[in-house]
Amino acid sequence: PPDSEGPPLQEREQRQETSRKYTYLGLYETELEAAKAHDKAAVACFGLHAHTNFDVRSYPEELALHNPGMKELNMLKLFQGTNELLY
């Protein structure tokens, strides 16, 4: 019989593939929480090149964890509207 306290929680499992290895990101009650967890892990691993569900600039703390290369730093400068590119 259905639970009288409301619908059952749906657990979402989220994984992040890095170099053909999977990182377990946990179980989430909603798809939105799982999507954000995926985005944060992807941005921390791949920086501005991450394939995310939401705008990569929504995750400044995770971008700070990523060790970007020169190309990525220049892209970030362009996003910020700065003309001082690094070469």
PDB file of N, CA and C in Angstrom:
ATOM      1  N   PRO A   1       0.831  -1.203   0.000  1.00  0.00           N
ATOM      2  CA  PRO A   1       0.000   0.000   0.000  1.00  0.00           C
ATOM      3  C   PRO A   1       0.865   1.252   0.000  1.00  0.00           C
ATOM      4  N   PRO A   2       0.378   2.333  -0.630  1.00  0.00           N
ATOM      5  CA  PRO A   2       1.157   3.566  -0.677  1.00  0.00           C
ATOM      6  C   PRO A   2       1.332   4.175   0.702  1.00  0.00           C
ATOM      7  N   ASP A   3       2.419   4.850   0.886  1.00  0.00           N
ATOM      8  CA  ASP A   3       2.730   5.513   2.154  1.00  0.00           C
ATOM      9  C   ASP A   3       1.787   6.691   2.339  1.00  0.00           C
ATOM     10  N   SER A   4       1.152   6.788   3.477  1.00  0.00           N
ATOM     11  CA  SER A   4       0.187   7.865   3.709  1.00  0.00           C
ATOM     12  C   SER A   4       0.868   9.205   3.973  1.00  0.00           C
ATOM     13  N   GLU A   5       2.191   9.214   4.173  1.00  0.00           N
ATOM     14  CA  GLU A   5       2.917  10.447   4.443  1.00  0.00           C
ATOM     15  C   GLU A   5       3.360  11.153   3.170  1.00  0.00           C
ATOM     16  N   GLY A   6       3.111  10.591   2.034  1.00  0.00           N
ATOM     17  CA  GLY A   6       3.499  11.214   0.774  1.00  0.00           C
ATOM     18  C   GLY A   6       4.169  10.216  -0.142  1.00  0.00           C
ATOM     19  N   PRO A   7       4.543  10.686  -1.330  1.00  0.00           N
ATOM     20  CA  PRO A   7       5.160   9.770  -2.296  1.00  0.00           C
ATOM     21  C   PRO A   7       6.553   9.346  -1.847  1.00  0.00           C
ATOM     22  N   PRO A   8       6.982   8.182  -2.267  1.00  0.00           N
ATOM     23  CA  PRO A   8       8.328   7.720  -1.888  1.00  0.00           C
ATOM     24  C   PRO A   8       9.397   8.597  -2.529  1.00  0.00           C
ATOM     25  N   LEU A   9      10.519   8.720  -1.859  1.00  0.00           N
ATOM     26  CA  LEU A   9      11.628   9.492  -2.397  1.00  0.00           C
ATOM     27  C   LEU A   9      12.266   8.726  -3.544  1.00  0.00           C
ATOM     28  N   GLN A  10      12.619   9.446  -4.569  1.00  0.00           N
ATOM     29  CA  GLN A  10      13.313   8.826  -5.688  1.00  0.00           C
ATOM     30  C   GLN A  10      14.800   9.095  -5.531  1.00  0.00           C
ATOM     31  N   GLU A  11      15.572   8.046  -5.535  1.00  0.00           N
ATOM     32  CA  GLU A  11      17.019   8.202  -5.406  1.00  0.00           C
ATOM     33  C   GLU A  11      17.634   8.251  -6.793  1.00  0.00           C
ATOM     34  N   ARG A  12      18.517   9.177  -6.988  1.00  0.00           N
ATOM     35  CA  ARG A  12      19.229   9.315  -8.250  1.00  0.00           C
ATOM     36  C   ARG A  12      20.706   9.058  -7.988  1.00  0.00           C
ATOM     37  N   GLU A  13      21.266   8.190  -8.760  1.00  0.00           N
ATOM     38  CA  GLU A  13      22.693   7.912  -8.628  1.00  0.00           C
ATOM     39  C   GLU A  13      23.425   8.733  -9.680  1.00  0.00           C
ATOM     40  N   GLN A  14      24.497   9.372  -9.292  1.00  0.00           N
ATOM     41  CA  GLN A  14      25.255  10.210 -10.203  1.00  0.00           C
ATOM     42  C   GLN A  14      26.700   9.760 -10.227  1.00  0.00           C
ATOM     43  N   ARG A  15      27.255   9.616 -11.409  1.00  0.00           N
ATOM     44  CA  ARG A  15      28.645   9.213 -11.577  1.00  0.00           C
ATOM     45  C   ARG A  15      29.324  10.187 -12.518  1.00  0.00           C
ATOM     46  N   GLN A  16      30.597  10.353 -12.358  1.00  0.00           N
ATOM     47  CA  GLN A  16      31.401  11.223 -13.217  1.00  0.00           C
ATOM     48  C   GLN A  16      32.513  10.394 -13.829  1.00  0.00           C
ATOM     49  N   GLU A  17      32.619  10.392 -15.163  1.00  0.00           N
ATOM     50  CA  GLU A  17      33.671   9.642 -15.829  1.00  0.00           C
ATOM     51  C   GLU A  17      34.893  10.540 -16.016  1.00  0.00           C
ATOM     52  N   THR A  18      36.011  10.085 -15.543  1.00  0.00           N
ATOM     53  CA  THR A  18      37.272  10.801 -15.684  1.00  0.00           C
ATOM     54  C   THR A  18      38.321   9.802 -16.144  1.00  0.00           C
ATOM     55  N   SER A  19      38.830   9.984 -17.326  1.00  0.00           N
ATOM     56  CA  SER A  19      39.860   9.096 -17.867  1.00  0.00           C
ATOM     57  C   SER A  19      39.437   7.627 -17.798  1.00  0.00           C
ATOM     58  N   ARG A  20      38.224   7.377 -18.222  1.00  0.00           N
ATOM     59  CA  ARG A  20      37.652   6.026 -18.243  1.00  0.00           C
ATOM     60  C   ARG A  20      37.492   5.413 -16.847  1.00  0.00           C
ATOM     61  N   LYS A  21      37.512   6.245 -15.842  1.00  0.00           N
ATOM     62  CA  LYS A  21      37.241   5.794 -14.479  1.00  0.00           C
ATOM     63  C   LYS A  21      35.989   6.519 -14.009  1.00  0.00           C
ATOM     64  N   TYR A  22      35.213   5.859 -13.197  1.00  0.00           N
ATOM     65  CA  TYR A  22      33.996   6.465 -12.687  1.00  0.00           C
ATOM     66  C   TYR A  22      34.180   6.875 -11.236  1.00  0.00           C
ATOM     67  N   THR A  23      33.688   8.039 -10.915  1.00  0.00           N
ATOM     68  CA  THR A  23      33.691   8.536  -9.549  1.00  0.00           C
ATOM     69  C   THR A  23      32.255   8.560  -9.072  1.00  0.00           C
ATOM     70  N   TYR A  24      31.987   7.876  -8.004  1.00  0.00           N
ATOM     71  CA  TYR A  24      30.641   7.845  -7.448  1.00  0.00           C
ATOM     72  C   TYR A  24      30.354   9.169  -6.750  1.00  0.00           C
ATOM     73  N   LEU A  25      29.278   9.838  -7.152  1.00  0.00           N
ATOM     74  CA  LEU A  25      28.948  11.144  -6.596  1.00  0.00           C
ATOM     75  C   LEU A  25      27.807  11.099  -5.585  1.00  0.00           C
ATOM     76  N   GLY A  26      27.203   9.961  -5.396  1.00  0.00           N
ATOM     77  CA  GLY A  26      26.186   9.848  -4.359  1.00  0.00           C
ATOM     78  C   GLY A  26      24.786   9.623  -4.887  1.00  0.00           C
ATOM     79  N   LEU A  27      23.844   9.557  -3.953  1.00  0.00           N
ATOM     80  CA  LEU A  27      22.428   9.401  -4.262  1.00  0.00           C
ATOM     81  C   LEU A  27      21.729  10.724  -3.972  1.00  0.00           C
ATOM     82  N   TYR A  28      20.813  11.104  -4.853  1.00  0.00           N
ATOM     83  CA  TYR A  28      20.134  12.386  -4.723  1.00  0.00           C
ATOM     84  C   TYR A  28      18.630  12.181  -4.814  1.00  0.00           C
ATOM     85  N   GLU A  29      17.906  12.978  -4.085  1.00  0.00           N
ATOM     86  CA  GLU A  29      16.458  12.847  -4.047  1.00  0.00           C
ATOM     87  C   GLU A  29      15.792  13.368  -5.311  1.00  0.00           C
ATOM     88  N   THR A  30      16.414  14.329  -5.993  1.00  0.00           N
ATOM     89  CA  THR A  30      15.802  14.902  -7.188  1.00  0.00           C
ATOM     90  C   THR A  30      16.806  14.905  -8.346  1.00  0.00           C
ATOM     91  N   GLU A  31      16.265  15.008  -9.540  1.00  0.00           N
ATOM     92  CA  GLU A  31      17.116  15.102 -10.723  1.00  0.00           C
ATOM     93  C   GLU A  31      17.919  16.394 -10.712  1.00  0.00           C
ATOM     94  N   LEU A  32      17.343  17.461 -10.190  1.00  0.00           N
ATOM     95  CA  LEU A  32      18.029  18.746 -10.126  1.00  0.00           C
ATOM     96  C   LEU A  32      19.277  18.653  -9.246  1.00  0.00           C
ATOM     97  N   GLU A  33      19.151  18.020  -8.077  1.00  0.00           N
ATOM     98  CA  GLU A  33      20.305  17.844  -7.194  1.00  0.00           C
ATOM     99  C   GLU A  33      21.381  16.997  -7.864  1.00  0.00           C
ATOM    100  N   ALA A  34      20.972  15.937  -8.560  1.00  0.00           N
ATOM    101  CA  ALA A  34      21.926  15.073  -9.254  1.00  0.00           C
ATOM    102  C   ALA A  34      22.621  15.834 -10.380  1.00  0.00           C
ATOM    103  N   ALA A  35      21.881  16.656 -11.107  1.00  0.00           N
ATOM    104  CA  ALA A  35      22.459  17.435 -12.203  1.00  0.00           C
ATOM    105  C   ALA A  35      23.489  18.428 -11.681  1.00  0.00           C
ATOM    106  N   LYS A  36      23.188  19.068 -10.570  1.00  0.00           N
ATOM    107  CA  LYS A  36      24.128  20.029  -9.994  1.00  0.00           C
ATOM    108  C   LYS A  36      25.380  19.322  -9.463  1.00  0.00           C
ATOM    109  N   ALA A  37      25.215  18.142  -8.883  1.00  0.00           N
ATOM    110  CA  ALA A  37      26.374  17.381  -8.403  1.00  0.00           C
ATOM    111  C   ALA A  37      27.265  16.992  -9.575  1.00  0.00           C
ATOM    112  N   HIS A  38      26.644  16.564 -10.666  1.00  0.00           N
ATOM    113  CA  HIS A  38      27.412  16.227 -11.878  1.00  0.00           C
ATOM    114  C   HIS A  38      28.171  17.449 -12.373  1.00  0.00           C
ATOM    115  N   ASP A  39      27.487  18.586 -12.458  1.00  0.00           N
ATOM    116  CA  ASP A  39      28.125  19.811 -12.944  1.00  0.00           C
ATOM    117  C   ASP A  39      29.323  20.205 -12.090  1.00  0.00           C
ATOM    118  N   LYS A  40      29.152  20.154 -10.783  1.00  0.00           N
ATOM    119  CA  LYS A  40      30.244  20.550  -9.887  1.00  0.00           C
ATOM    120  C   LYS A  40      31.457  19.647 -10.073  1.00  0.00           C
ATOM    121  N   ALA A  41      31.231  18.345 -10.183  1.00  0.00           N
ATOM    122  CA  ALA A  41      32.338  17.417 -10.375  1.00  0.00           C
ATOM    123  C   ALA A  41      32.989  17.626 -11.745  1.00  0.00           C
ATOM    124  N   ALA A  42      32.182  17.843 -12.761  1.00  0.00           N
ATOM    125  CA  ALA A  42      32.718  18.050 -14.106  1.00  0.00           C
ATOM    126  C   ALA A  42      33.551  19.326 -14.185  1.00  0.00           C
ATOM    127  N   VAL A  43      33.066  20.398 -13.576  1.00  0.00           N
ATOM    128  CA  VAL A  43      33.798  21.664 -13.601  1.00  0.00           C
ATOM    129  C   VAL A  43      35.104  21.548 -12.825  1.00  0.00           C
ATOM    130  N   ALA A  44      35.071  20.861 -11.688  1.00  0.00           N
ATOM    131  CA  ALA A  44      36.299  20.675 -10.913  1.00  0.00           C
ATOM    132  C   ALA A  44      37.336  19.885 -11.705  1.00  0.00           C
ATOM    133  N   CYS A  45      36.894  18.941 -12.538  1.00  0.00           N
ATOM    134  CA  CYS A  45      37.819  18.120 -13.315  1.00  0.00           C
ATOM    135  C   CYS A  45      38.237  18.770 -14.631  1.00  0.00           C
ATOM    136  N   PHE A  46      37.290  19.389 -15.333  1.00  0.00           N
ATOM    137  CA  PHE A  46      37.541  19.841 -16.694  1.00  0.00           C
ATOM    138  C   PHE A  46      37.461  21.351 -16.890  1.00  0.00           C
ATOM    139  N   GLY A  47      37.135  22.092 -15.828  1.00  0.00           N
ATOM    140  CA  GLY A  47      37.092  23.552 -15.928  1.00  0.00           C
ATOM    141  C   GLY A  47      36.067  24.042 -16.933  1.00  0.00           C
ATOM    142  N   LEU A  48      36.467  25.036 -17.711  1.00  0.00           N
ATOM    143  CA  LEU A  48      35.551  25.645 -18.677  1.00  0.00           C
ATOM    144  C   LEU A  48      35.163  24.701 -19.804  1.00  0.00           C
ATOM    145  N   HIS A  49      35.884  23.604 -19.969  1.00  0.00           N
ATOM    146  CA  HIS A  49      35.586  22.641 -21.033  1.00  0.00           C
ATOM    147  C   HIS A  49      34.568  21.599 -20.593  1.00  0.00           C
ATOM    148  N   ALA A  50      34.096  21.671 -19.370  1.00  0.00           N
ATOM    149  CA  ALA A  50      33.160  20.681 -18.839  1.00  0.00           C
ATOM    150  C   ALA A  50      31.824  20.750 -19.568  1.00  0.00           C
ATOM    151  N   HIS A  51      31.236  19.592 -19.787  1.00  0.00           N
ATOM    152  CA  HIS A  51      29.885  19.515 -20.337  1.00  0.00           C
ATOM    153  C   HIS A  51      28.934  19.537 -19.143  1.00  0.00           C
ATOM    154  N   THR A  52      28.215  20.642 -18.991  1.00  0.00           N
ATOM    155  CA  THR A  52      27.366  20.823 -17.815  1.00  0.00           C
ATOM    156  C   THR A  52      25.905  20.998 -18.210  1.00  0.00           C
ATOM    157  N   ASN A  53      25.041  20.817 -17.249  1.00  0.00           N
ATOM    158  CA  ASN A  53      23.610  21.021 -17.440  1.00  0.00           C
ATOM    159  C   ASN A  53      23.253  22.495 -17.337  1.00  0.00           C
ATOM    160  N   PHE A  54      24.020  23.237 -16.562  1.00  0.00           N
ATOM    161  CA  PHE A  54      23.781  24.655 -16.333  1.00  0.00           C
ATOM    162  C   PHE A  54      25.041  25.427 -16.709  1.00  0.00           C
ATOM    163  N   ASP A  55      24.950  26.741 -16.756  1.00  0.00           N
ATOM    164  CA  ASP A  55      26.079  27.586 -17.140  1.00  0.00           C
ATOM    165  C   ASP A  55      27.282  27.293 -16.247  1.00  0.00           C
ATOM    166  N   VAL A  56      28.417  27.028 -16.877  1.00  0.00           N
ATOM    167  CA  VAL A  56      29.632  26.667 -16.140  1.00  0.00           C
ATOM    168  C   VAL A  56      30.045  27.784 -15.183  1.00  0.00           C
ATOM    169  N   ARG A  57      29.701  29.025 -15.493  1.00  0.00           N
ATOM    170  CA  ARG A  57      30.064  30.142 -14.621  1.00  0.00           C
ATOM    171  C   ARG A  57      29.231  30.171 -13.342  1.00  0.00           C
ATOM    172  N   SER A  58      28.269  29.270 -13.226  1.00  0.00           N
ATOM    173  CA  SER A  58      27.465  29.158 -12.005  1.00  0.00           C
ATOM    174  C   SER A  58      28.228  28.451 -10.887  1.00  0.00           C
ATOM    175  N   TYR A  59      29.422  27.960 -11.201  1.00  0.00           N
ATOM    176  CA  TYR A  59      30.190  27.165 -10.252  1.00  0.00           C
ATOM    177  C   TYR A  59      31.576  27.768 -10.027  1.00  0.00           C
ATOM    178  N   PRO A  60      31.670  28.981  -9.483  1.00  0.00           N
ATOM    179  CA  PRO A  60      32.981  29.627  -9.311  1.00  0.00           C
ATOM    180  C   PRO A  60      33.905  28.879  -8.353  1.00  0.00           C
ATOM    181  N   GLU A  61      33.364  28.266  -7.306  1.00  0.00           N
ATOM    182  CA  GLU A  61      34.208  27.540  -6.357  1.00  0.00           C
ATOM    183  C   GLU A  61      34.844  26.319  -7.016  1.00  0.00           C
ATOM    184  N   GLU A  62      34.085  25.632  -7.865  1.00  0.00           N
ATOM    185  CA  GLU A  62      34.612  24.460  -8.542  1.00  0.00           C
ATOM    186  C   GLU A  62      35.618  24.871  -9.614  1.00  0.00           C
ATOM    187  N   LEU A  63      35.378  26.008 -10.275  1.00  0.00           N
ATOM    188  CA  LEU A  63      36.354  26.507 -11.245  1.00  0.00           C
ATOM    189  C   LEU A  63      37.677  26.812 -10.561  1.00  0.00           C
ATOM    190  N   ALA A  64      37.611  27.295  -9.328  1.00  0.00           N
ATOM    191  CA  ALA A  64      38.830  27.611  -8.581  1.00  0.00           C
ATOM    192  C   ALA A  64      39.615  26.340  -8.245  1.00  0.00           C
ATOM    193  N   LEU A  65      38.934  25.201  -8.110  1.00  0.00           N
ATOM    194  CA  LEU A  65      39.606  23.932  -7.820  1.00  0.00           C
ATOM    195  C   LEU A  65      40.351  23.394  -9.036  1.00  0.00           C
ATOM    196  N   HIS A  66      39.862  23.751 -10.204  1.00  0.00           N
ATOM    197  CA  HIS A  66      40.467  23.260 -11.444  1.00  0.00           C
ATOM    198  C   HIS A  66      41.751  24.031 -11.725  1.00  0.00           C
ATOM    199  N   ASN A  67      42.782  23.324 -12.147  1.00  0.00           N
ATOM    200  CA  ASN A  67      44.057  23.948 -12.484  1.00  0.00           C
ATOM    201  C   ASN A  67      44.066  24.209 -13.984  1.00  0.00           C
ATOM    202  N   PRO A  68      43.657  25.411 -14.406  1.00  0.00           N
ATOM    203  CA  PRO A  68      43.482  25.663 -15.839  1.00  0.00           C
ATOM    204  C   PRO A  68      44.799  25.887 -16.565  1.00  0.00           C
ATOM    205  N   GLY A  69      44.764  25.606 -17.858  1.00  0.00           N
ATOM    206  CA  GLY A  69      45.892  25.906 -18.727  1.00  0.00           C
ATOM    207  C   GLY A  69      45.765  27.323 -19.255  1.00  0.00           C
ATOM    208  N   MET A  70      46.746  27.763 -20.023  1.00  0.00           N
ATOM    209  CA  MET A  70      46.768  29.120 -20.555  1.00  0.00           C
ATOM    210  C   MET A  70      45.549  29.406 -21.430  1.00  0.00           C
ATOM    211  N   LYS A  71      45.151  28.432 -22.265  1.00  0.00           N
ATOM    212  CA  LYS A  71      43.996  28.610 -23.141  1.00  0.00           C
ATOM    213  C   LYS A  71      42.731  28.865 -22.330  1.00  0.00           C
ATOM    214  N   GLU A  72      42.551  28.097 -21.268  1.00  0.00           N
ATOM    215  CA  GLU A  72      41.377  28.275 -20.424  1.00  0.00           C
ATOM    216  C   GLU A  72      41.397  29.623 -19.710  1.00  0.00           C
ATOM    217  N   LEU A  73      42.558  30.048 -19.261  1.00  0.00           N
ATOM    218  CA  LEU A  73      42.652  31.348 -18.597  1.00  0.00           C
ATOM    219  C   LEU A  73      42.263  32.476 -19.553  1.00  0.00           C
ATOM    220  N   ASN A  74      42.681  32.387 -20.807  1.00  0.00           N
ATOM    221  CA  ASN A  74      42.309  33.393 -21.793  1.00  0.00           C
ATOM    222  C   ASN A  74      40.811  33.366 -22.084  1.00  0.00           C
ATOM    223  N   MET A  75      40.233  32.178 -22.124  1.00  0.00           N
ATOM    224  CA  MET A  75      38.787  32.075 -22.334  1.00  0.00           C
ATOM    225  C   MET A  75      38.035  32.730 -21.184  1.00  0.00           C
ATOM    226  N   LEU A  76      38.505  32.505 -19.969  1.00  0.00           N
ATOM    227  CA  LEU A  76      37.875  33.105 -18.800  1.00  0.00           C
ATOM    228  C   LEU A  76      37.957  34.624 -18.869  1.00  0.00           C
ATOM    229  N   LYS A  77      39.101  35.142 -19.294  1.00  0.00           N
ATOM    230  CA  LYS A  77      39.255  36.588 -19.443  1.00  0.00           C
ATOM    231  C   LYS A  77      38.241  37.128 -20.461  1.00  0.00           C
ATOM    232  N   LEU A  78      38.047  36.394 -21.562  1.00  0.00           N
ATOM    233  CA  LEU A  78      37.076  36.822 -22.565  1.00  0.00           C
ATOM    234  C   LEU A  78      35.660  36.815 -21.992  1.00  0.00           C
ATOM    235  N   PHE A  79      35.313  35.788 -21.215  1.00  0.00           N
ATOM    236  CA  PHE A  79      33.992  35.724 -20.587  1.00  0.00           C
ATOM    237  C   PHE A  79      33.775  36.899 -19.646  1.00  0.00           C
ATOM    238  N   GLN A  80      34.831  37.318 -18.986  1.00  0.00           N
ATOM    239  CA  GLN A  80      34.727  38.414 -18.029  1.00  0.00           C
ATOM    240  C   GLN A  80      34.778  39.778 -18.714  1.00  0.00           C
ATOM    241  N   GLY A  81      35.000  39.788 -20.030  1.00  0.00           N
ATOM    242  CA  GLY A  81      35.053  41.053 -20.750  1.00  0.00           C
ATOM    243  C   GLY A  81      36.382  41.776 -20.623  1.00  0.00           C
ATOM    244  N   THR A  82      37.422  41.077 -20.250  1.00  0.00           N
ATOM    245  CA  THR A  82      38.746  41.669 -20.090  1.00  0.00           C
ATOM    246  C   THR A  82      39.531  41.478 -21.369  1.00  0.00           C
ATOM    247  N   ASN A  83      40.181  42.530 -21.839  1.00  0.00           N
ATOM    248  CA  ASN A  83      40.975  42.441 -23.057  1.00  0.00           C
ATOM    249  C   ASN A  83      42.425  42.060 -22.797  1.00  0.00           C
ATOM    250  N   GLU A  84      42.803  41.895 -21.540  1.00  0.00           N
ATOM    251  CA  GLU A  84      44.183  41.575 -21.175  1.00  0.00           C
ATOM    252  C   GLU A  84      44.391  40.059 -21.231  1.00  0.00           C
ATOM    253  N   LEU A  85      44.632  39.543 -22.439  1.00  0.00           N
ATOM    254  CA  LEU A  85      44.828  38.116 -22.588  1.00  0.00           C
ATOM    255  C   LEU A  85      46.248  37.724 -22.199  1.00  0.00           C
ATOM    256  N   LEU A  86      46.393  36.506 -21.731  1.00  0.00           N
ATOM    257  CA  LEU A  86      47.699  35.957 -21.366  1.00  0.00           C
ATOM    258  C   LEU A  86      48.224  35.149 -22.536  1.00  0.00           C
ATOM    259  N   TYR A  87      49.480  35.275 -22.837  1.00  0.00           N
ATOM    260  CA  TYR A  87      50.054  34.509 -23.955  1.00  0.00           C
ATOM    261  C   TYR A  87      51.211  33.685 -23.522  1.00  0.00           C
TER     262      TYR A  87
END
